[in-house]
C-alpha atoms as a PDB file:
ATOM      1  CA  MET A   1       0.000   0.000   0.000  1.00  0.00           C
ATOM      2  CA  PRO A   2       1.296   3.508  -0.766  1.00  0.00           C
ATOM      3  CA  PHE A   3       2.498   5.729   2.010  1.00  0.00           C
ATOM      4  CA  LEU A   4       4.202   9.095   2.251  1.00  0.00           C
ATOM      5  CA  LEU A   5       5.858  10.171  -1.021  1.00  0.00           C
ATOM      6  CA  ALA A   6       4.499   7.044  -2.785  1.00  0.00           C
ATOM      7  CA  PHE A   7       2.873   8.953  -5.643  1.00  0.00           C
ATOM      8  CA  PRO A   8       1.041   7.245  -8.514  1.00  0.00           C
ATOM      9  CA  PRO A   9       3.125   7.671 -11.696  1.00  0.00           C
ATOM     10  CA  ASN A  10       0.511   9.835 -13.441  1.00  0.00           C
ATOM     11  CA  ALA A  11      -0.467  11.991 -10.471  1.00  0.00           C
ATOM     12  CA  SER A  12      -0.934  15.688 -11.163  1.00  0.00           C
ATOM     13  CA  PRO A  13       2.340  17.639 -10.721  1.00  0.00           C
ATOM     14  CA  ARG A  14       0.445  20.274  -8.755  1.00  0.00           C
ATOM     15  CA  LEU A  15      -0.973  17.664  -6.410  1.00  0.00           C
ATOM     16  CA  LYS A  16       2.516  16.236  -5.944  1.00  0.00           C
ATOM     17  CA  GLY A  17       3.904  19.697  -5.270  1.00  0.00           C
ATOM     18  CA  LEU A  18       1.333  20.482  -2.587  1.00  0.00           C
ATOM     19  CA  GLN A  19       1.833  17.145  -0.874  1.00  0.00           C
ATOM     20  CA  ILE A  20       5.624  17.536  -0.969  1.00  0.00           C
ATOM     21  CA  CYS A  21       5.321  21.010   0.585  1.00  0.00           C
ATOM     22  CA  GLN A  22       3.161  19.663   3.404  1.00  0.00           C
ATOM     23  CA  LEU A  23       5.427  16.674   3.965  1.00  0.00           C
ATOM     24  CA  SER A  24       8.430  19.018   3.987  1.00  0.00           C
ATOM     25  CA  VAL A  25       6.870  20.770   6.977  1.00  0.00           C
ATOM     26  CA  VAL A  26       6.488  17.364   8.642  1.00  0.00           C
ATOM     27  CA  GLY A  27      10.157  16.577   7.995  1.00  0.00           C
ATOM     28  CA  LEU A  28      11.335  19.981   9.213  1.00  0.00           C
ATOM     29  CA  THR A  29       9.261  19.556  12.371  1.00  0.00           C
ATOM     30  CA  LEU A  30      11.126  16.337  13.148  1.00  0.00           C
ATOM     31  CA  VAL A  31      14.441  18.143  12.637  1.00  0.00           C
ATOM     32  CA  TYR A  32      13.367  21.099  14.802  1.00  0.00           C
ATOM     33  CA  THR A  33      12.196  18.790  17.579  1.00  0.00           C
ATOM     34  CA  PHE A  34      15.532  16.971  17.569  1.00  0.00           C
ATOM     35  CA  LEU A  35      17.506  20.230  17.596  1.00  0.00           C
ATOM     36  CA  ALA A  36      15.347  21.673  20.380  1.00  0.00           C
ATOM     37  CA  ALA A  37      16.050  18.572  22.451  1.00  0.00           C
ATOM     38  CA  VAL A  38      19.831  18.523  21.988  1.00  0.00           C
ATOM     39  CA  ILE A  39      20.768  22.220  21.787  1.00  0.00           C
ATOM     40  CA  PRO A  40      21.386  23.715  25.249  1.00  0.00           C
ATOM     41  CA  SER A  41      19.057  26.618  26.000  1.00  0.00           C
ATOM     42  CA  LYS A  42      17.803  28.343  29.120  1.00  0.00           C
ATOM     43  CA  HIS A  43      14.362  28.572  27.496  1.00  0.00           C
ATOM     44  CA  LYS A  44      14.098  24.981  26.224  1.00  0.00           C
ATOM     45  CA  ALA A  45      10.514  24.546  27.466  1.00  0.00           C
ATOM     46  CA  PHE A  46       9.487  27.739  25.678  1.00  0.00           C
ATOM     47  CA  THR A  47      11.060  26.521  22.436  1.00  0.00           C
ATOM     48  CA  PHE A  48       9.116  23.269  22.671  1.00  0.00           C
ATOM     49  CA  SER A  49       5.913  25.215  23.300  1.00  0.00           C
ATOM     50  CA  LEU A  50       6.423  26.888  19.914  1.00  0.00           C
ATOM     51  CA  LEU A  51       6.700  23.432  18.345  1.00  0.00           C
ATOM     52  CA  TYR A  52       3.494  21.973  19.775  1.00  0.00           C
ATOM     53  CA  GLY A  53       1.302  23.145  16.898  1.00  0.00           C
ATOM     54  CA  LEU A  54       3.703  21.833  14.254  1.00  0.00           C
ATOM     55  CA  ILE A  55       4.106  18.501  16.035  1.00  0.00           C
ATOM     56  CA  PHE A  56       0.369  17.907  16.412  1.00  0.00           C
ATOM     57  CA  THR A  57      -0.561  18.977  12.872  1.00  0.00           C
ATOM     58  CA  SER A  58       2.297  16.917  11.420  1.00  0.00           C
ATOM     59  CA  ILE A  59       0.588  13.816  12.781  1.00  0.00           C
ATOM     60  CA  THR A  60      -2.815  14.652  11.292  1.00  0.00           C
ATOM     61  CA  THR A  61      -1.326  15.845   7.997  1.00  0.00           C
ATOM     62  CA  SER A  62       0.692  12.638   7.566  1.00  0.00           C
ATOM     63  CA  ILE A  63      -2.379  10.483   8.195  1.00  0.00           C
ATOM     64  CA  LEU A  64      -4.571  12.408   5.744  1.00  0.00           C
ATOM     65  CA  ILE A  65      -1.938  12.573   2.989  1.00  0.00           C
ATOM     66  CA  ASN A  66      -1.550   8.817   3.366  1.00  0.00           C
ATOM     67  CA  LYS A  67      -5.305   8.478   2.784  1.00  0.00           C
ATOM     68  CA  GLU A  68      -5.091  10.766  -0.255  1.00  0.00           C
ATOM     69  CA  GLN A  69      -2.346   8.676  -1.814  1.00  0.00           C
ATOM     70  CA  LYS A  70      -4.090   5.378  -1.149  1.00  0.00           C
ATOM     71  CA  ALA A  71      -7.300   6.683  -2.725  1.00  0.00           C
ATOM     72  CA  GLY A  72      -5.312   8.078  -5.660  1.00  0.00           C
ATOM     73  CA  ALA A  73      -3.553   4.764  -6.274  1.00  0.00           C
ATOM     74  CA  ARG A  74      -6.969   3.071  -6.502  1.00  0.00           C
ATOM     75  CA  GLY A  75      -8.375   5.731  -8.828  1.00  0.00           C
ATOM     76  CA  LEU A  76     -10.894   6.792  -6.182  1.00  0.00           C
ATOM     77  CA  LEU A  77      -9.609  10.268  -5.343  1.00  0.00           C
ATOM     78  CA  THR A  78     -12.548  12.352  -6.540  1.00  0.00           C
ATOM     79  CA  LYS A  79     -12.837  16.105  -6.150  1.00  0.00           C
ATOM     80  CA  ASP A  80     -15.324  15.768  -3.296  1.00  0.00           C
ATOM     81  CA  LYS A  81     -13.153  13.287  -1.429  1.00  0.00           C
ATOM     82  CA  TYR A  82     -10.013  15.400  -1.877  1.00  0.00           C
ATOM     83  CA  ALA A  83     -11.820  18.542  -0.696  1.00  0.00           C
ATOM     84  CA  LYS A  84     -13.103  16.623   2.329  1.00  0.00           C
ATOM     85  CA  TYR A  85      -9.549  15.608   3.253  1.00  0.00           C
ATOM     86  CA  GLN A  86      -8.415  19.233   3.038  1.00  0.00           C
ATOM     87  CA  LEU A  87     -11.279  20.384   5.257  1.00  0.00           C
ATOM     88  CA  TRP A  88     -10.290  17.720   7.765  1.00  0.00           C
ATOM     89  CA  LYS A  89      -6.699  18.993   7.687  1.00  0.00           C
ATOM     90  CA  ILE A  90      -7.773  22.553   8.407  1.00  0.00           C
ATOM     91  CA  ALA A  91     -10.276  21.519  11.090  1.00  0.00           C
ATOM     92  CA  ALA A  92      -7.628  19.345  12.735  1.00  0.00           C
ATOM     93  CA  GLY A  93      -5.183  22.246  12.443  1.00  0.00           C
ATOM     94  CA  PHE A  94      -7.475  24.578  14.385  1.00  0.00           C
ATOM     95  CA  VAL A  95      -8.016  21.956  17.094  1.00  0.00           C
ATOM     96  CA  MET A  96      -4.325  21.089  17.359  1.00  0.00           C
ATOM     97  CA  TYR A  97      -3.181  24.701  17.445  1.00  0.00           C
ATOM     98  CA  PHE A  98      -5.777  25.456  20.112  1.00  0.00           C
ATOM     99  CA  ILE A  99      -4.307  22.652  22.222  1.00  0.00           C
ATOM    100  CA  ALA A 100      -0.836  23.991  21.412  1.00  0.00           C
ATOM    101  CA  PHE A 101      -1.906  27.477  22.516  1.00  0.00           C
ATOM    102  CA  ILE A 102      -2.998  26.073  25.876  1.00  0.00           C
ATOM    103  CA  GLY A 103       0.393  24.392  26.215  1.00  0.00           C
ATOM    104  CA  PHE A 104       2.129  27.626  25.243  1.00  0.00           C
ATOM    105  CA  SER A 105       0.086  29.604  27.792  1.00  0.00           C
ATOM    106  CA  ILE A 106       1.026  27.382  30.731  1.00  0.00           C
ATOM    107  CA  THR A 107       4.711  27.191  29.795  1.00  0.00           C
ATOM    108  CA  PRO A 108       6.947  29.268  32.088  1.00  0.00           C
ATOM    109  CA  GLY A 109       8.253  32.382  30.376  1.00  0.00           C
ATOM    110  CA  GLY A 110      11.293  34.537  30.979  1.00  0.00           C
ATOM    111  CA  ASN A 111      12.324  38.020  32.000  1.00  0.00           C
ATOM    112  CA  ASP A 112      14.056  39.135  28.837  1.00  0.00           C
ATOM    113  CA  LYS A 113      13.735  42.786  27.862  1.00  0.00           C
ATOM    114  CA  LEU A 114      14.900  44.824  24.930  1.00  0.00           C
ATOM    115  CA  GLY A 115      17.509  47.421  25.707  1.00  0.00           C
ATOM    116  CA  ARG A 116      17.552  50.925  24.353  1.00  0.00           C
ATOM    117  CA  ASN A 117      17.949  51.003  20.555  1.00  0.00           C
ATOM    118  CA  GLU A 118      17.622  47.195  20.399  1.00  0.00           C
ATOM    119  CA  ASN A 119      15.362  45.460  17.913  1.00  0.00           C
ATOM    120  CA  GLY A 120      13.704  42.114  18.397  1.00  0.00           C
ATOM    121  CA  LEU A 121      10.554  40.256  19.381  1.00  0.00           C
ATOM    122  CA  ILE A 122       9.585  39.360  22.934  1.00  0.00           C
ATOM    123  CA  MET A 123       7.056  36.582  23.518  1.00  0.00           C
ATOM    124  CA  ASN A 124       6.047  35.493  26.995  1.00  0.00           C
ATOM    125  CA  GLY A 125       9.079  37.282  28.386  1.00  0.00           C
ATOM    126  CA  VAL A 126      11.485  35.474  26.049  1.00  0.00           C
ATOM    127  CA  ARG A 127      13.460  37.215  23.341  1.00  0.00           C
ATOM    128  CA  ILE A 128      12.941  35.255  20.122  1.00  0.00           C
ATOM    129  CA  ASN A 129      16.212  33.953  18.687  1.00  0.00           C
ATOM    130  CA  THR A 130      16.917  32.834  15.115  1.00  0.00           C
ATOM    131  CA  PHE A 131      15.933  29.207  15.683  1.00  0.00           C
ATOM    132  CA  GLN A 132      12.663  30.156  17.342  1.00  0.00           C
ATOM    133  CA  SER A 133      11.961  32.616  14.539  1.00  0.00           C
ATOM    134  CA  ILE A 134      12.411  29.841  11.972  1.00  0.00           C
ATOM    135  CA  ILE A 135       9.905  27.709  13.893  1.00  0.00           C
ATOM    136  CA  LEU A 136       7.353  30.524  13.801  1.00  0.00           C
ATOM    137  CA  TRP A 137       7.833  31.049  10.066  1.00  0.00           C
ATOM    138  CA  THR A 138       7.448  27.316   9.452  1.00  0.00           C
ATOM    139  CA  SER A 139       4.131  27.398  11.319  1.00  0.00           C
ATOM    140  CA  THR A 140       3.025  30.220   9.032  1.00  0.00           C
ATOM    141  CA  PHE A 141       3.903  28.234   5.910  1.00  0.00           C
ATOM    142  CA  ASN A 142       2.192  25.195   7.413  1.00  0.00           C
ATOM    143  CA  TRP A 143      -1.089  27.109   7.368  1.00  0.00           C
ATOM    144  CA  ILE A 144      -0.404  28.524   3.892  1.00  0.00           C
ATOM    145  CA  PHE A 145       0.082  25.025   2.468  1.00  0.00           C
ATOM    146  CA  MET A 146      -3.077  23.713   4.141  1.00  0.00           C
ATOM    147  CA  TRP A 147      -5.211  26.526   2.719  1.00  0.00           C
ATOM    148  CA  ALA A 148      -3.509  26.233  -0.682  1.00  0.00           C
ATOM    149  CA  SER A 149      -4.501  22.562  -0.812  1.00  0.00           C
ATOM    150  CA  LEU A 150      -8.116  23.487  -0.136  1.00  0.00           C
ATOM    151  CA  PHE A 151      -8.115  26.187  -2.834  1.00  0.00           C
ATOM    152  CA  TYR A 152      -6.479  23.702  -5.225  1.00  0.00           C
ATOM    153  CA  SER A 153      -9.546  21.469  -4.974  1.00  0.00           C
ATOM    154  CA  CYS A 154     -11.607  24.292  -6.507  1.00  0.00           C
ATOM    155  CA  CYS A 155      -9.591  23.949  -9.755  1.00  0.00           C
ATOM    156  CA  MET A 156     -10.496  20.301 -10.215  1.00  0.00           C
ATOM    157  CA  THR A 157     -13.072  18.906 -12.570  1.00  0.00           C
ATOM    158  CA  LYS A 158     -15.950  17.457 -10.565  1.00  0.00           C
ATOM    159  CA  ARG A 159     -16.303  13.734 -11.228  1.00  0.00           C
ATOM    160  CA  GLU A 160     -18.430  11.146  -9.531  1.00  0.00           C
ATOM    161  CA  THR A 161     -15.850   8.393  -9.946  1.00  0.00           C
ATOM    162  CA  GLY A 162     -12.262   8.017 -11.079  1.00  0.00           C
ATOM    163  CA  GLU A 163      -9.187  10.155 -10.698  1.00  0.00           C
ATOM    164  CA  ILE A 164      -8.963  13.879 -10.018  1.00  0.00           C
ATOM    165  CA  ARG A 165      -8.242  15.982 -13.071  1.00  0.00           C
ATOM    166  CA  LEU A 166      -7.636  19.661 -13.747  1.00  0.00           C
ATOM    167  CA  GLU A 167      -8.971  21.926 -16.450  1.00  0.00           C
ATOM    168  CA  GLY A 168      -6.667  23.126 -19.207  1.00  0.00           C
ATOM    169  CA  GLU A 169      -3.174  21.780 -19.549  1.00  0.00           C
ATOM    170  CA  GLU A 170      -3.663  19.001 -17.004  1.00  0.00           C
ATOM    171  CA  ALA A 171      -7.102  17.894 -18.188  1.00  0.00           C
ATOM    172  CA  ASN A 172      -5.696  14.613 -19.497  1.00  0.00           C
ATOM    173  CA  ILE A 173      -3.456  13.805 -16.536  1.00  0.00           C
ATOM    174  CA  GLY A 174      -4.999  11.166 -14.303  1.00  0.00           C
ATOM    175  CA  LEU A 175      -4.079   8.681 -11.639  1.00  0.00           C
ATOM    176  CA  ASP A 176      -5.438   5.697 -13.596  1.00  0.00           C
ATOM    177  CA  GLN A 177      -3.157   4.625 -16.439  1.00  0.00           C
ATOM    178  CA  GLU A 178      -5.899   2.556 -18.050  1.00  0.00           C
ATOM    179  CA  ASN A 179      -7.840   5.687 -19.043  1.00  0.00           C
ATOM    180  CA  THR A 180      -4.925   7.557 -20.640  1.00  0.00           C
ATOM    181  CA  GLU A 181      -4.026   7.707 -24.317  1.00  0.00           C
ATOM    182  CA  SER A 182      -0.698   8.100 -26.069  1.00  0.00           C
ATOM    183  CA  ASP A 183       0.603  11.529 -27.061  1.00  0.00           C
ATOM    184  CA  GLU A 184       0.440  10.568 -30.741  1.00  0.00           C
ATOM    185  CA  ALA A 185      -3.207   9.452 -30.541  1.00  0.00           C
ATOM    186  CA  TYR A 186      -4.107  12.584 -28.601  1.00  0.00           C
ATOM    187  CA  ALA A 187      -2.424  14.804 -31.228  1.00  0.00           C
ATOM    188  CA  ARG A 188      -4.287  13.040 -34.052  1.00  0.00           C
ATOM    189  CA  ARG A 189      -7.588  13.510 -32.244  1.00  0.00           C
ATOM    190  CA  LEU A 190      -6.947  17.249 -31.792  1.00  0.00           C
ATOM    191  CA  GLN A 191      -6.007  17.605 -35.457  1.00  0.00           C
ATOM    192  CA  ALA A 192      -9.161  15.793 -36.539  1.00  0.00           C
ATOM    193  CA  GLN A 193     -11.247  18.221 -34.489  1.00  0.00           C
ATOM    194  CA  ASP A 194      -9.609  21.285 -36.082  1.00  0.00           C
ATOM    195  CA  PRO A 195     -11.705  22.404 -39.099  1.00  0.00           C
ATOM    196  CA  ASN A 196      -8.639  24.130 -40.606  1.00  0.00           C
ATOM    197  CA  TRP A 197      -6.495  21.002 -40.469  1.00  0.00           C
ATOM    198  CA  GLN A 198      -5.886  19.123 -43.710  1.00  0.00           C
ATOM    199  CA  ALA A 199      -4.311  15.691 -44.109  1.00  0.00           C
END
């Protein structure tokens, strides 16, 4: 059975791109969690509190992308089903980040302050360093990718059964190889439909 990064050979490049972006956030979250655990810091608990949202949503995102890929491999990933998965991702994201916010709120802060003529961001009494800033930016992109996946479903051709397809240039890209035709046959069909074409 397919799992993460196990794309069907004829999957839409845009679908692949969105899934890779979301899985990249999952991979970066694992790296950040490891670094937060091993790098000495006087605000280690605070750093982990910034990671809670990414950690929780990485779990739900991985599960739902796995479901997307399994449905795609079977030729069952319709527009409605894909849109439903994206709504689940966003709903789970709100729930997980709410839990993460509670964890962030109860995490002990610090007493850092900005000096005169100093620039920086203070959160919960902790001056945000470069690593913590990267975590916050990754959380932002996490939400961007989730919403982008939902908007992507609006571009798809609605079908009751079969693979997801796009209008325009990707209208003949599907997840089911049995329903595809060769480039040569497709070109001949387009030429036959052109009233100005002559043999």
